[in-house]
């Protein structure tokens, strides 16, 4: 009976030692994970700083563009360009009409000449 009690105590002691060892491993794992958590926090902070810097660069670029580009000047230049385009189109249309009239006159005169020559032969 004493043997059984000692055996039971020995097994209990062994189980307690194993449990304590596992508890220590668990605590070690937690401590290691804390390093991971700290690293993740560091990455979050760095990412936030990068995003903030990108926003600052974007805003500065936008401000420089707004300060250096005058929309009124762009509109005025576009208006002048459109006016020149209309003028060129009008000139081209007039030229085509003149050419067309000239071509009509040449064709009519050619037709009259041919009729005159053929008409003279028919008589």
N, C-alpha and C. Protein backbone atom coordinates (compact mmCIF):
# COMPACT_ATOMS: atom_id res chain seq x y z
N UNK A 1 0.80 -1.17 0.00
CA UNK A 1 0.00 0.00 0.00
C UNK A 1 0.87 1.26 0.00
N UNK A 2 1.90 1.23 0.75
CA UNK A 2 2.83 2.36 0.80
C UNK A 2 3.46 2.52 -0.58
N UNK A 3 3.69 1.40 -1.20
CA UNK A 3 4.26 1.45 -2.53
C UNK A 3 3.33 2.19 -3.48
N UNK A 4 2.03 1.89 -3.36
CA UNK A 4 1.04 2.53 -4.23
C UNK A 4 0.96 4.03 -3.92
N UNK A 5 1.04 4.38 -2.66
CA UNK A 5 0.97 5.79 -2.28
C UNK A 5 2.20 6.52 -2.81
N UNK A 6 3.36 5.90 -2.67
CA UNK A 6 4.59 6.52 -3.17
C UNK A 6 4.56 6.63 -4.70
N UNK A 7 4.04 5.58 -5.32
CA UNK A 7 3.94 5.57 -6.77
C UNK A 7 3.00 6.68 -7.23
N UNK A 8 1.89 6.83 -6.52
CA UNK A 8 0.91 7.86 -6.85
C UNK A 8 1.51 9.24 -6.63
N UNK A 9 2.23 9.41 -5.51
CA UNK A 9 2.89 10.68 -5.24
C UNK A 9 3.95 10.99 -6.30
N UNK A 10 4.69 9.95 -6.70
CA UNK A 10 5.72 10.13 -7.71
C UNK A 10 5.09 10.57 -9.03
N UNK A 11 4.00 9.89 -9.42
CA UNK A 11 3.30 10.25 -10.66
C UNK A 11 2.73 11.66 -10.57
N UNK A 12 2.19 12.00 -9.41
CA UNK A 12 1.64 13.34 -9.21
C UNK A 12 2.74 14.39 -9.32
N UNK A 13 3.88 14.09 -8.69
CA UNK A 13 5.02 15.01 -8.75
C UNK A 13 5.53 15.17 -10.16
N UNK A 14 5.58 14.06 -10.88
CA UNK A 14 6.03 14.10 -12.27
C UNK A 14 5.06 14.92 -13.12
N UNK A 15 3.75 14.70 -12.91
CA UNK A 15 2.73 15.45 -13.65
C UNK A 15 2.80 16.93 -13.32
N UNK A 16 3.04 17.25 -12.03
CA UNK A 16 3.15 18.65 -11.63
C UNK A 16 4.36 19.30 -12.28
N UNK A 17 5.48 18.56 -12.32
CA UNK A 17 6.69 19.08 -12.95
C UNK A 17 6.46 19.33 -14.44
N UNK A 18 5.79 18.38 -15.11
CA UNK A 18 5.49 18.54 -16.54
C UNK A 18 4.56 19.73 -16.76
N UNK A 19 3.57 19.88 -15.90
CA UNK A 19 2.64 21.01 -16.01
C UNK A 19 3.37 22.33 -15.83
N UNK A 20 4.27 22.38 -14.86
CA UNK A 20 5.05 23.60 -14.63
C UNK A 20 5.92 23.89 -15.84
N UNK A 21 6.50 22.86 -16.42
CA UNK A 21 7.32 23.04 -17.62
C UNK A 21 6.50 23.57 -18.78
N UNK A 22 5.30 23.01 -18.94
CA UNK A 22 4.42 23.49 -20.01
C UNK A 22 3.98 24.92 -19.75
N UNK A 23 3.74 25.27 -18.51
CA UNK A 23 3.37 26.63 -18.16
C UNK A 23 4.50 27.59 -18.51
N UNK A 24 5.72 27.20 -18.24
CA UNK A 24 6.87 28.04 -18.57
C UNK A 24 6.99 28.22 -20.08
N UNK A 25 6.76 27.14 -20.84
CA UNK A 25 6.78 27.23 -22.31
C UNK A 25 5.70 28.19 -22.80
N UNK A 26 4.54 28.10 -22.15
CA UNK A 26 3.43 28.97 -22.50
C UNK A 26 3.80 30.44 -22.26
N UNK A 27 4.41 30.72 -21.13
CA UNK A 27 4.83 32.08 -20.79
C UNK A 27 5.91 32.55 -21.76
N UNK A 28 6.83 31.67 -22.10
CA UNK A 28 7.87 32.02 -23.08
C UNK A 28 7.24 32.38 -24.44
N UNK A 29 6.25 31.57 -24.83
CA UNK A 29 5.55 31.85 -26.09
C UNK A 29 4.88 33.23 -26.04
N UNK A 30 4.26 33.54 -24.90
CA UNK A 30 3.61 34.84 -24.77
C UNK A 30 4.61 35.97 -24.88
N UNK A 31 5.77 35.79 -24.25
CA UNK A 31 6.79 36.83 -24.31
C UNK A 31 7.30 37.01 -25.74
N UNK A 32 7.47 35.91 -26.47
CA UNK A 32 7.89 35.99 -27.86
C UNK A 32 6.83 36.67 -28.70
N UNK A 33 5.57 36.36 -28.43
CA UNK A 33 4.47 36.97 -29.18
C UNK A 33 4.40 38.46 -28.90
N UNK A 34 4.78 38.87 -27.70
CA UNK A 34 4.78 40.30 -27.40
C UNK A 34 5.75 41.03 -28.32
N UNK A 35 6.88 40.38 -28.63
CA UNK A 35 7.82 40.97 -29.57
C UNK A 35 7.17 41.12 -30.94
N UNK A 36 6.41 40.13 -31.32
CA UNK A 36 5.70 40.18 -32.60
C UNK A 36 4.69 41.33 -32.59
N UNK A 37 3.96 41.44 -31.47
CA UNK A 37 2.97 42.51 -31.35
C UNK A 37 3.66 43.87 -31.45
N UNK A 38 4.80 44.00 -30.77
CA UNK A 38 5.55 45.26 -30.83
C UNK A 38 6.02 45.55 -32.26
N UNK A 39 6.46 44.51 -32.95
CA UNK A 39 6.91 44.69 -34.33
C UNK A 39 5.74 45.13 -35.22
N UNK A 40 4.59 44.51 -35.02
CA UNK A 40 3.39 44.88 -35.80
C UNK A 40 3.01 46.34 -35.52
N UNK A 41 3.07 46.73 -34.25
CA UNK A 41 2.77 48.12 -33.89
C UNK A 41 3.75 49.07 -34.57
N UNK A 42 5.01 48.69 -34.59
CA UNK A 42 6.03 49.51 -35.26
C UNK A 42 5.73 49.66 -36.75
N UNK A 43 5.33 48.57 -37.37
CA UNK A 43 4.98 48.61 -38.79
C UNK A 43 3.76 49.49 -39.01
N UNK A 44 2.77 49.40 -38.15
CA UNK A 44 1.58 50.25 -38.27
C UNK A 44 1.96 51.73 -38.19
N UNK A 45 2.79 52.06 -37.22
CA UNK A 45 3.21 53.46 -37.07
C UNK A 45 3.98 53.93 -38.30
N UNK A 46 4.88 53.09 -38.80
CA UNK A 46 5.66 53.45 -39.98
C UNK A 46 4.75 53.64 -41.18
N UNK A 47 3.79 52.74 -41.36
CA UNK A 47 2.85 52.84 -42.47
C UNK A 47 2.05 54.12 -42.36
N UNK A 48 1.60 54.44 -41.16
CA UNK A 48 0.85 55.68 -40.95
C UNK A 48 1.67 56.90 -41.33
N UNK A 49 2.96 56.88 -40.97
CA UNK A 49 3.83 58.01 -41.31
C UNK A 49 4.02 58.12 -42.81
N UNK A 50 4.15 56.98 -43.49
CA UNK A 50 4.30 56.99 -44.95
C UNK A 50 3.05 57.56 -45.60
N UNK A 51 1.89 57.12 -45.14
CA UNK A 51 0.62 57.62 -45.71
C UNK A 51 0.49 59.12 -45.45
N UNK A 52 0.84 59.55 -44.27
CA UNK A 52 0.77 60.97 -43.94
C UNK A 52 1.72 61.77 -44.83
N UNK A 53 2.92 61.26 -45.06
CA UNK A 53 3.88 61.95 -45.92
C UNK A 53 3.37 62.02 -47.36
N UNK A 54 2.78 60.94 -47.82
CA UNK A 54 2.22 60.93 -49.18
C UNK A 54 1.11 61.97 -49.30
N UNK A 55 0.27 62.08 -48.29
CA UNK A 55 -0.79 63.09 -48.30
C UNK A 55 -0.22 64.50 -48.32
N UNK A 56 0.84 64.71 -47.58
CA UNK A 56 1.49 66.03 -47.55
C UNK A 56 2.07 66.37 -48.93
N UNK A 57 2.75 65.41 -49.54
CA UNK A 57 3.32 65.63 -50.88
C UNK A 57 2.21 65.93 -51.88
N UNK A 58 1.12 65.18 -51.82
CA UNK A 58 -0.02 65.40 -52.72
C UNK A 58 -0.55 66.82 -52.56
N UNK A 59 -0.76 67.25 -51.32
CA UNK A 59 -1.32 68.57 -51.07
C UNK A 59 -0.38 69.67 -51.55
N UNK A 60 0.93 69.49 -51.29
CA UNK A 60 1.90 70.50 -51.74
C UNK A 60 1.91 70.59 -53.27
N UNK A 61 1.86 69.44 -53.94
CA UNK A 61 1.84 69.41 -55.40
C UNK A 61 0.60 70.12 -55.92
N UNK A 62 -0.52 69.83 -55.32
CA UNK A 62 -1.79 70.45 -55.72
C UNK A 62 -1.73 71.96 -55.52
N UNK A 63 -1.17 72.40 -54.39
CA UNK A 63 -1.05 73.83 -54.11
C UNK A 63 -0.15 74.51 -55.14
N UNK A 64 0.97 73.88 -55.49
CA UNK A 64 1.88 74.46 -56.48
C UNK A 64 1.19 74.58 -57.83
N UNK A 65 0.45 73.56 -58.22
CA UNK A 65 -0.27 73.62 -59.50
C UNK A 65 -1.31 74.73 -59.46
N UNK A 66 -2.07 74.81 -58.37
CA UNK A 66 -3.09 75.84 -58.24
C UNK A 66 -2.48 77.24 -58.29
N UNK A 67 -1.31 77.41 -57.66
CA UNK A 67 -0.66 78.72 -57.63
C UNK A 67 -0.07 79.11 -58.97
N UNK A 68 0.40 78.14 -59.74
CA UNK A 68 1.13 78.46 -60.98
C UNK A 68 0.30 78.36 -62.25
N UNK A 69 -0.85 77.75 -62.19
CA UNK A 69 -1.68 77.63 -63.39
C UNK A 69 -2.93 78.47 -63.19
N UNK A 70 -3.10 79.44 -64.08
CA UNK A 70 -4.25 80.32 -64.01
C UNK A 70 -5.32 79.79 -64.97
N UNK A 71 -6.44 79.37 -64.46
CA UNK A 71 -7.49 78.80 -65.30
C UNK A 71 -8.06 79.83 -66.27
N UNK A 72 -8.09 81.10 -65.87
CA UNK A 72 -8.60 82.13 -66.77
C UNK A 72 -7.73 82.24 -68.01
N UNK A 73 -6.40 82.16 -67.82
CA UNK A 73 -5.50 82.20 -68.98
C UNK A 73 -5.71 80.99 -69.88
N UNK A 74 -5.91 79.83 -69.28
CA UNK A 74 -6.17 78.63 -70.07
C UNK A 74 -7.46 78.76 -70.87
N UNK A 75 -8.51 79.29 -70.23
CA UNK A 75 -9.79 79.47 -70.92
C UNK A 75 -9.65 80.47 -72.07
N UNK A 76 -8.92 81.56 -71.82
CA UNK A 76 -8.71 82.58 -72.85
C UNK A 76 -7.96 81.98 -74.04
N UNK A 77 -6.90 81.22 -73.73
CA UNK A 77 -6.12 80.58 -74.80
C UNK A 77 -6.96 79.58 -75.58
N UNK A 78 -7.80 78.83 -74.89
CA UNK A 78 -8.66 77.87 -75.57
C UNK A 78 -9.67 78.60 -76.44
N UNK A 79 -10.19 79.72 -75.95
CA UNK A 79 -11.14 80.51 -76.74
C UNK A 79 -10.50 81.03 -78.02
N UNK A 80 -9.24 81.52 -77.91
CA UNK A 80 -8.52 82.00 -79.09
C UNK A 80 -8.30 80.87 -80.09
N UNK A 81 -7.95 79.71 -79.56
CA UNK A 81 -7.71 78.55 -80.41
C UNK A 81 -8.98 78.15 -81.16
N UNK A 82 -10.11 78.16 -80.47
CA UNK A 82 -11.39 77.81 -81.10
C UNK A 82 -11.73 78.85 -82.17
N UNK A 83 -11.50 80.14 -81.87
CA UNK A 83 -11.79 81.19 -82.85
C UNK A 83 -10.93 81.02 -84.11
N UNK A 84 -9.64 80.71 -83.92
CA UNK A 84 -8.74 80.48 -85.08
C UNK A 84 -9.22 79.27 -85.88
N UNK A 85 -9.66 78.24 -85.17
CA UNK A 85 -10.17 77.05 -85.86
C UNK A 85 -11.41 77.37 -86.69
N UNK A 86 -12.30 78.16 -86.12
CA UNK A 86 -13.52 78.55 -86.86
C UNK A 86 -13.16 79.38 -88.08
N UNK A 87 -12.19 80.29 -87.91
CA UNK A 87 -11.75 81.14 -89.01
C UNK A 87 -11.14 80.30 -90.13
N UNK A 88 -10.30 79.35 -89.75
CA UNK A 88 -9.66 78.49 -90.74
C UNK A 88 -10.70 77.63 -91.45
N UNK A 89 -11.69 77.15 -90.71
CA UNK A 89 -12.76 76.35 -91.31
C UNK A 89 -13.56 77.18 -92.29
N UNK A 90 -13.86 78.42 -91.90
CA UNK A 90 -14.62 79.32 -92.77
C UNK A 90 -13.84 79.62 -94.04
N UNK A 91 -12.54 79.90 -93.90
CA UNK A 91 -11.69 80.17 -95.07
C UNK A 91 -11.64 78.96 -95.98
N UNK A 92 -11.53 77.78 -95.40
CA UNK A 92 -11.48 76.55 -96.19
C UNK A 92 -12.80 76.34 -96.93
N UNK A 93 -13.91 76.60 -96.25
CA UNK A 93 -15.22 76.44 -96.88
C UNK A 93 -15.37 77.42 -98.04
N UNK A 94 -14.95 78.68 -97.83
CA UNK A 94 -15.03 79.67 -98.91
C UNK A 94 -14.17 79.26 -100.08
N UNK A 95 -12.98 78.78 -99.80
CA UNK A 95 -12.08 78.34 -100.86
C UNK A 95 -12.66 77.17 -101.64
N UNK A 96 -13.29 76.24 -100.91
CA UNK A 96 -13.91 75.08 -101.58
C UNK A 96 -15.08 75.53 -102.45
N UNK A 97 -15.84 76.51 -101.98
CA UNK A 97 -16.98 77.01 -102.77
C UNK A 97 -16.47 77.68 -104.04
N UNK A 98 -15.40 78.51 -103.89
CA UNK A 98 -14.82 79.17 -105.07
C UNK A 98 -14.29 78.14 -106.05
N UNK A 99 -13.61 77.13 -105.54
CA UNK A 99 -13.07 76.09 -106.42
C UNK A 99 -14.21 75.34 -107.09
N UNK A 100 -15.25 75.11 -106.36
CA UNK A 100 -16.40 74.39 -106.90
C UNK A 100 -17.06 75.21 -108.01
N UNK A 101 -17.21 76.53 -107.78
CA UNK A 101 -17.81 77.40 -108.80
C UNK A 101 -16.92 77.42 -110.04
N UNK A 102 -15.60 77.53 -109.81
CA UNK A 102 -14.66 77.54 -110.93
C UNK A 102 -14.76 76.23 -111.70
N UNK A 103 -14.82 75.13 -110.99
CA UNK A 103 -14.93 73.81 -111.63
C UNK A 103 -16.23 73.71 -112.41
N UNK A 104 -17.32 74.23 -111.84
CA UNK A 104 -18.60 74.21 -112.55
C UNK A 104 -18.51 75.01 -113.84
N UNK A 105 -17.89 76.19 -113.74
CA UNK A 105 -17.75 77.04 -114.93
C UNK A 105 -16.91 76.34 -116.00
N UNK A 106 -15.80 75.70 -115.57
CA UNK A 106 -14.94 75.00 -116.53
C UNK A 106 -15.72 73.86 -117.19
N UNK A 107 -16.48 73.12 -116.41
CA UNK A 107 -17.25 72.00 -116.97
C UNK A 107 -18.32 72.53 -117.93
N UNK A 108 -18.96 73.62 -117.54
CA UNK A 108 -20.02 74.20 -118.40
C UNK A 108 -19.41 74.70 -119.71
N UNK A 109 -18.27 75.43 -119.60
CA UNK A 109 -17.61 75.92 -120.81
C UNK A 109 -17.14 74.77 -121.68
N UNK A 110 -16.62 73.71 -121.05
CA UNK A 110 -16.18 72.53 -121.81
C UNK A 110 -17.37 71.87 -122.50
N UNK A 111 -18.48 71.78 -121.77
CA UNK A 111 -19.68 71.19 -122.37
C UNK A 111 -20.20 72.04 -123.52
N UNK A 112 -20.20 73.36 -123.34
CA UNK A 112 -20.64 74.26 -124.41
C UNK A 112 -19.73 74.13 -125.63
N UNK A 113 -18.42 74.03 -125.37
CA UNK A 113 -17.47 73.89 -126.47
C UNK A 113 -17.72 72.60 -127.24
N UNK A 114 -17.91 71.50 -126.48
CA UNK A 114 -18.16 70.20 -127.12
C UNK A 114 -19.45 70.25 -127.91
N UNK A 115 -20.48 70.85 -127.34
CA UNK A 115 -21.76 70.98 -128.07
C UNK A 115 -21.59 71.83 -129.32
N UNK A 116 -20.78 72.87 -129.17
CA UNK A 116 -20.54 73.75 -130.33
C UNK A 116 -19.82 72.99 -131.44
N UNK A 117 -18.84 72.19 -131.05
CA UNK A 117 -18.08 71.46 -132.06
C UNK A 117 -18.97 70.38 -132.67
N UNK A 118 -19.71 69.66 -131.86
CA UNK A 118 -20.59 68.60 -132.36
C UNK A 118 -21.75 69.19 -133.14
N UNK A 119 -22.22 70.33 -132.68
CA UNK A 119 -23.34 70.97 -133.34
C UNK A 119 -22.96 71.44 -134.71
N UNK A 120 -21.74 71.95 -134.87
CA UNK A 120 -21.27 72.42 -136.14
C UNK A 120 -21.15 71.27 -137.11
N UNK A 121 -20.73 70.11 -136.63
CA UNK A 121 -20.57 68.97 -137.50
C UNK A 121 -21.91 68.41 -137.91
N UNK A 122 -22.92 68.51 -137.07
CA UNK A 122 -24.22 67.96 -137.38
C UNK A 122 -24.89 68.77 -138.48
N UNK A 123 -24.58 70.04 -138.59
CA UNK A 123 -25.22 70.88 -139.58
C UNK A 123 -24.61 70.67 -140.88
